[in-house]
Each structure stands twice: as structure tokens, then as C-alpha cells.
Amino acid sequence: MFSLKNVVKSESTNANEKQKGCLSCGSKQNIGNRKYCSIKCRQNLRQKLNTRNGLLQALNTRYAAFYFSEKKIVLDIVPHGIKEVFRYESKRSTGNNPAADFSIMANALGDAWWKESKRTNKNYLASQHVLKLATRHRISDGLQRPRLTRTPSVKTGILESLEIKKTDLYSHELKKIIKSAYRHQAKMHHPDAGGQAAIFRKIHNAYKELLRWADNPVYIRRRGFPDKWYYDGESKKWVQPAPGRK
């Protein structure tokens, strides 16, 4: 049974303690270079986070972050008009994934808010009460607002067909990389060389589409952290950890 006593107050959270496996469940099995063990796992955590947005709105959250280690989960909140981080930490429960532990902690904080709201009949006092349960940190020591990132809007399948890495999309020699990759794949998969026509067409289509992208590159722009889930108070939505360049 979770109670507010399980909310751990500590002076700092070591970045090295963060889970290096799946950024949704923490699993390290067959994770490789991926950030998530499955799409379903990622969607499950996002759904759990979004269903507790009422608490963040009650605390007048400008932006927030959620992350975890093998031992604890962490929720950092920066309210509007306050240049401090309000941190809630809770010990991980045996057998629970981070999504379940977050739900338990958020429910407990939400219950504390409602109890205080009913007692005082003032919502702002309830919000102040819940914020007092957190450990306060300076912005420089805690949650810096993430910078705007640019992610190439290229389908993964196109890159896989040509065996091109995402990092290559940032190269000034991109067109040369594309043509070289295409020649390499064509030698192996062209029907005249014994390859399958369907596979070669897929490679050729990927080649043409990627060349078009190189002439007019389009990016998806958003804010995010490379290893934390980010809550944007303006959109009132959680954003998954931003992809980093490798």
C-alpha cells in the first residue's frame, strides 16, 4: 500500500542512477540501441502519464519531467511563475513497472490535494499543500527546460532499405551517401544479379524518395529530453524522450 510517506525527499538525483534500458518499463532484454522494448510498452506509459494530467494542471505546471531508475521514480515539476523545481521521488515497488508506480504516486498526491481542498474549500491552498510535499531545487541543479530539437521526418523503412543511419541525414555529404548506399544495395538485389524484383523495387523507391527529401529536407520540431518524458504545460500533453544523435 502506497502512502505519502513513500515519497522520498533527497537533495539530488544522480543521472547515472537512471535506467539505461527501455525508457518506458526499464527492461534491458533485447533492447540493443532502441529506446523502447515495444510500441505497446511506450504507449502504456504515455497513457498512464496523460491520465494524471489533472494533478499537473492543479499545480499550475509550466513543464515537468518523469524518469526512473531501478530503485525509484522521479517527477519534476516547474510551476508557472516559480523558478524552482519541485521534485517528488518514490521507491519502486517490487513487481511493478514505472507506469504502475507513477499511477500510485500520482493518485496519492491527487488524494492529498482533494483532501486539503475539501478541508479549506480553497483550491490554491490545496495546491500549495501538495507542493510543500516536494523537495525544492534550483533550476540549474534540476530540470532545465529542454531546447527545441529537430528530427528528420523520414520513415524508418526507407533508411532500412538502403541501410543508412539516421545520423547520416545530418551530413553535408548526404546525397553521396544515398547514391553510394543505393549502388551497394543494387549490386546485391538487382534481378540481373539474381535478386528479387520486389525487393529491388522497394530499394529503388526508397532511393528516389530519400533523394527528394535531401533536396527539400523537412524536420519535426519539438521540445524534449533525451532520457526523460517531458510534459508541456501549454499543450497539456506528455512527450516521449527525444531521439538523440548517435
Protein backbone atom coordinates (compact mmCIF):
# COMPACT_ATOMS: atom_id res chain seq x y z
CA MET A 1 0.00 0.00 0.00
CA PHE A 2 1.38 3.37 -1.04
CA SER A 3 1.22 6.40 1.21
CA LEU A 4 2.73 9.84 1.12
CA LYS A 5 5.46 8.51 3.38
CA ASN A 6 6.76 6.67 0.32
CA VAL A 7 7.52 9.98 -1.37
CA VAL A 8 11.26 10.22 -0.91
CA LYS A 9 12.86 13.61 -0.34
CA SER A 10 16.50 13.75 -1.33
CA GLU A 11 18.93 16.52 -2.16
CA SER A 12 19.79 15.33 -5.64
CA THR A 13 19.18 12.64 -8.18
CA ASN A 14 22.28 11.19 -9.79
CA ALA A 15 21.91 10.97 -13.55
CA ASN A 16 23.90 7.72 -13.51
CA GLU A 17 21.12 6.10 -11.49
CA LYS A 18 18.66 6.42 -14.37
CA GLN A 19 17.53 3.26 -16.06
CA LYS A 20 19.55 2.54 -19.22
CA GLY A 21 17.07 0.05 -20.64
CA CYS A 22 13.64 0.67 -22.12
CA LEU A 23 12.56 4.23 -21.32
CA SER A 24 9.04 3.01 -20.59
CA CYS A 25 9.49 -0.14 -18.49
CA GLY A 26 13.22 -0.33 -17.79
CA SER A 27 13.69 -3.75 -19.38
CA LYS A 28 17.20 -4.41 -20.66
CA GLN A 29 16.34 -7.61 -22.52
CA ASN A 30 16.94 -7.44 -26.28
CA ILE A 31 16.88 -3.63 -26.11
CA GLY A 32 20.05 -3.07 -28.17
CA ASN A 33 20.24 0.55 -29.32
CA ARG A 34 16.48 1.04 -29.12
CA LYS A 35 14.85 3.35 -26.58
CA TYR A 36 11.79 1.11 -26.07
CA CYS A 37 11.24 -2.63 -25.93
CA SER A 38 7.97 -2.26 -27.86
CA ILE A 39 5.50 0.32 -29.16
CA LYS A 40 2.83 -1.06 -26.80
CA CYS A 41 5.10 -0.51 -23.79
CA ARG A 42 5.76 3.09 -24.80
CA GLN A 43 2.06 3.75 -25.37
CA ASN A 44 1.19 2.26 -21.98
CA LEU A 45 3.42 4.69 -20.07
CA ARG A 46 2.24 7.66 -22.15
CA GLN A 47 -1.39 6.74 -21.38
CA LYS A 48 -0.66 6.48 -17.64
CA LEU A 49 1.08 9.85 -17.65
CA ASN A 50 -1.65 11.62 -19.63
CA THR A 51 -4.48 10.31 -17.43
CA ARG A 52 -2.92 12.08 -14.42
CA ASN A 53 -2.60 15.48 -16.09
CA GLY A 54 -5.30 16.91 -13.82
CA LEU A 55 -2.80 16.92 -10.96
CA LEU A 56 -0.23 18.83 -13.03
CA GLN A 57 -2.85 21.37 -14.09
CA ALA A 58 -3.94 21.82 -10.47
CA LEU A 59 -0.30 22.60 -9.60
CA ASN A 60 -0.17 25.21 -12.42
CA THR A 61 2.64 23.29 -14.12
CA ARG A 62 4.63 25.10 -16.78
CA TYR A 63 6.64 21.99 -17.65
CA ALA A 64 7.57 18.74 -15.99
CA ALA A 65 9.64 15.60 -16.47
CA PHE A 66 9.28 11.97 -15.47
CA TYR A 67 12.11 9.45 -15.29
CA PHE A 68 13.16 6.46 -13.22
CA SER A 69 15.93 4.14 -12.11
CA GLU A 70 15.84 0.57 -10.86
CA LYS A 71 15.16 1.86 -7.34
CA LYS A 72 12.87 4.88 -7.72
CA ILE A 73 10.66 7.02 -9.92
CA VAL A 74 11.02 10.80 -10.16
CA LEU A 75 8.56 13.53 -11.09
CA ASP A 76 10.00 17.03 -11.51
CA ILE A 77 7.59 19.97 -11.77
CA VAL A 78 8.24 23.62 -12.59
CA PRO A 79 5.11 25.73 -11.88
CA HIS A 80 4.34 28.94 -13.74
CA GLY A 81 5.93 31.97 -12.12
CA ILE A 82 8.31 29.96 -9.89
CA LYS A 83 11.95 29.47 -10.89
CA GLU A 84 12.39 26.30 -8.88
CA VAL A 85 11.99 22.57 -9.41
CA PHE A 86 9.55 20.71 -7.17
CA ARG A 87 10.70 17.08 -7.05
CA TYR A 88 8.72 14.04 -5.99
CA GLU A 89 10.56 10.75 -5.63
CA SER A 90 9.10 7.39 -4.71
CA LYS A 91 10.67 3.99 -4.18
CA ARG A 92 9.94 1.41 -6.86
CA SER A 93 7.55 -1.36 -5.85
CA THR A 94 8.53 -5.00 -6.34
CA GLY A 95 6.88 -6.39 -9.45
CA ASN A 96 5.61 -3.02 -10.67
CA ASN A 97 6.70 -1.26 -13.83
CA PRO A 98 7.34 2.53 -13.81
CA ALA A 99 3.86 3.26 -15.22
CA ALA A 100 2.18 1.46 -12.33
CA ASP A 101 4.44 3.13 -9.75
CA PHE A 102 3.73 6.54 -11.27
CA SER A 103 -0.01 5.94 -11.09
CA ILE A 104 0.25 5.04 -7.41
CA MET A 105 2.31 8.13 -6.57
CA ALA A 106 0.12 10.47 -8.63
CA ASN A 107 -3.04 9.06 -7.06
CA ALA A 108 -1.63 9.62 -3.57
CA LEU A 109 -0.70 13.21 -4.39
CA GLY A 110 -4.09 13.75 -6.01
CA ASP A 111 -5.85 12.39 -2.91
CA ALA A 112 -3.81 14.78 -0.75
CA TRP A 113 -4.90 17.67 -2.97
CA TRP A 114 -8.60 16.76 -2.78
CA LYS A 115 -8.48 16.23 0.97
CA GLU A 116 -6.94 19.67 1.52
CA SER A 117 -9.32 21.26 -0.96
CA LYS A 118 -12.34 19.90 0.90
CA ARG A 119 -10.89 20.92 4.27
CA THR A 120 -10.12 24.52 3.28
CA ASN A 121 -12.61 24.94 0.44
CA LYS A 122 -9.80 26.68 -1.48
CA ASN A 123 -8.05 25.04 -4.41
CA TYR A 124 -4.97 27.24 -4.27
CA LEU A 125 -4.33 26.17 -0.67
CA ALA A 126 -4.63 22.54 -1.76
CA SER A 127 -2.04 23.15 -4.48
CA GLN A 128 0.30 24.84 -2.02
CA HIS A 129 -0.11 21.88 0.33
CA VAL A 130 0.93 19.36 -2.34
CA LEU A 131 3.87 21.50 -3.47
CA LYS A 132 5.13 21.53 0.13
CA LEU A 133 5.40 17.74 -0.05
CA ALA A 134 8.11 18.08 -2.72
CA THR A 135 11.82 18.76 -2.37
CA ARG A 136 12.70 22.13 -3.91
CA HIS A 137 15.73 22.64 -6.15
CA ARG A 138 17.18 25.46 -8.17
CA ILE A 139 16.56 25.24 -11.89
CA SER A 140 20.31 24.99 -12.52
CA ASP A 141 20.51 21.94 -10.25
CA GLY A 142 17.42 20.22 -11.53
CA LEU A 143 15.14 20.49 -14.51
CA GLN A 144 16.34 22.76 -17.28
CA ARG A 145 13.68 23.46 -19.87
CA PRO A 146 14.58 21.37 -22.93
CA ARG A 147 15.74 23.04 -26.08
CA LEU A 148 13.88 22.75 -29.35
CA THR A 149 15.10 19.72 -31.31
CA ARG A 150 14.84 18.86 -34.99
CA THR A 151 14.17 15.31 -36.12
CA PRO A 152 14.25 14.40 -39.83
CA SER A 153 10.79 13.36 -40.99
CA VAL A 154 11.97 10.25 -42.83
CA LYS A 155 10.30 6.88 -42.49
CA THR A 156 12.46 4.26 -40.80
CA GLY A 157 11.69 1.73 -43.54
CA ILE A 158 13.33 3.96 -46.17
CA LEU A 159 16.55 4.12 -44.20
CA GLU A 160 16.47 0.39 -43.54
CA SER A 161 16.05 -0.39 -47.24
CA LEU A 162 19.25 1.49 -48.04
CA GLU A 163 20.98 0.63 -44.73
CA ILE A 164 21.50 4.30 -43.96
CA LYS A 165 21.75 5.57 -40.39
CA LYS A 166 19.63 8.45 -39.06
CA THR A 167 22.79 10.35 -38.22
CA ASP A 168 23.70 10.34 -41.93
CA LEU A 169 20.71 12.60 -42.60
CA TYR A 170 22.57 15.46 -40.92
CA SER A 171 25.63 15.03 -43.14
CA HIS A 172 26.63 17.64 -45.73
CA GLU A 173 27.52 14.70 -47.98
CA LEU A 174 24.05 13.14 -47.74
CA LYS A 175 23.46 12.78 -51.47
CA LYS A 176 26.78 10.98 -51.91
CA ILE A 177 25.89 8.68 -49.02
CA ILE A 178 22.49 7.92 -50.58
CA LYS A 179 23.94 7.15 -54.02
CA SER A 180 26.70 5.00 -52.57
CA ALA A 181 24.22 3.06 -50.43
CA TYR A 182 21.93 2.57 -53.43
CA ARG A 183 24.74 1.23 -55.63
CA HIS A 184 25.75 -1.18 -52.88
CA GLN A 185 22.19 -2.50 -52.45
CA ALA A 186 21.57 -2.64 -56.20
CA LYS A 187 24.59 -4.88 -56.74
CA MET A 188 23.12 -7.40 -54.30
CA HIS A 189 19.41 -7.20 -55.13
CA HIS A 190 19.12 -6.30 -58.83
CA PRO A 191 17.18 -9.02 -60.73
CA ASP A 192 20.02 -9.28 -63.26
CA ALA A 193 22.28 -10.27 -60.37
CA GLY A 194 19.83 -12.89 -59.11
CA GLY A 195 17.94 -10.66 -56.72
CA GLN A 196 14.18 -10.45 -56.20
CA ALA A 197 12.35 -7.86 -58.27
CA ALA A 198 10.04 -6.84 -55.38
CA ILE A 199 12.97 -6.14 -53.06
CA PHE A 200 14.82 -4.18 -55.73
CA ARG A 201 11.74 -2.02 -56.42
CA LYS A 202 11.50 -1.26 -52.72
CA ILE A 203 15.15 -0.22 -52.64
CA HIS A 204 14.77 1.90 -55.79
CA ASN A 205 11.67 3.66 -54.45
CA ALA A 206 13.46 4.35 -51.16
CA TYR A 207 16.39 5.77 -53.13
CA LYS A 208 14.19 8.17 -55.12
CA GLU A 209 12.21 9.27 -52.05
CA LEU A 210 15.32 9.93 -49.98
CA LEU A 211 16.90 11.95 -52.78
CA ARG A 212 13.74 14.08 -52.91
CA TRP A 213 13.99 14.59 -49.15
CA ALA A 214 17.65 15.61 -49.47
CA ASP A 215 16.65 18.32 -51.98
CA ASN A 216 13.96 19.65 -49.64
CA PRO A 217 14.58 18.35 -46.09
CA VAL A 218 11.66 18.50 -43.68
CA TYR A 219 12.04 18.22 -39.90
CA ILE A 220 9.75 17.59 -36.98
CA ARG A 221 10.39 20.28 -34.37
CA ARG A 222 9.58 19.74 -30.72
CA ARG A 223 10.94 20.15 -27.22
CA GLY A 224 12.09 17.15 -25.27
CA PHE A 225 14.74 15.45 -23.15
CA PRO A 226 16.89 12.56 -24.40
CA ASP A 227 16.22 10.44 -21.30
CA LYS A 228 13.07 11.88 -19.66
CA TRP A 229 9.41 12.11 -20.51
CA TYR A 230 8.51 15.79 -20.91
CA TYR A 231 5.19 17.45 -20.00
CA ASP A 232 4.36 20.65 -21.86
CA GLY A 233 2.01 22.85 -19.85
CA GLU A 234 0.82 24.67 -22.98
CA SER A 235 -0.34 21.59 -24.87
CA LYS A 236 -1.12 19.69 -21.63
CA LYS A 237 0.46 16.55 -23.11
CA TRP A 238 3.40 14.29 -22.38
CA VAL A 239 6.13 13.89 -24.98
CA GLN A 240 8.34 10.81 -25.13
CA PRO A 241 12.12 11.19 -24.71
CA ALA A 242 13.61 12.96 -27.69
CA PRO A 243 15.79 10.89 -30.03
CA GLY A 244 19.47 11.70 -29.69
CA ARG A 245 22.11 11.61 -32.35
CA LYS A 246 24.39 8.58 -32.15
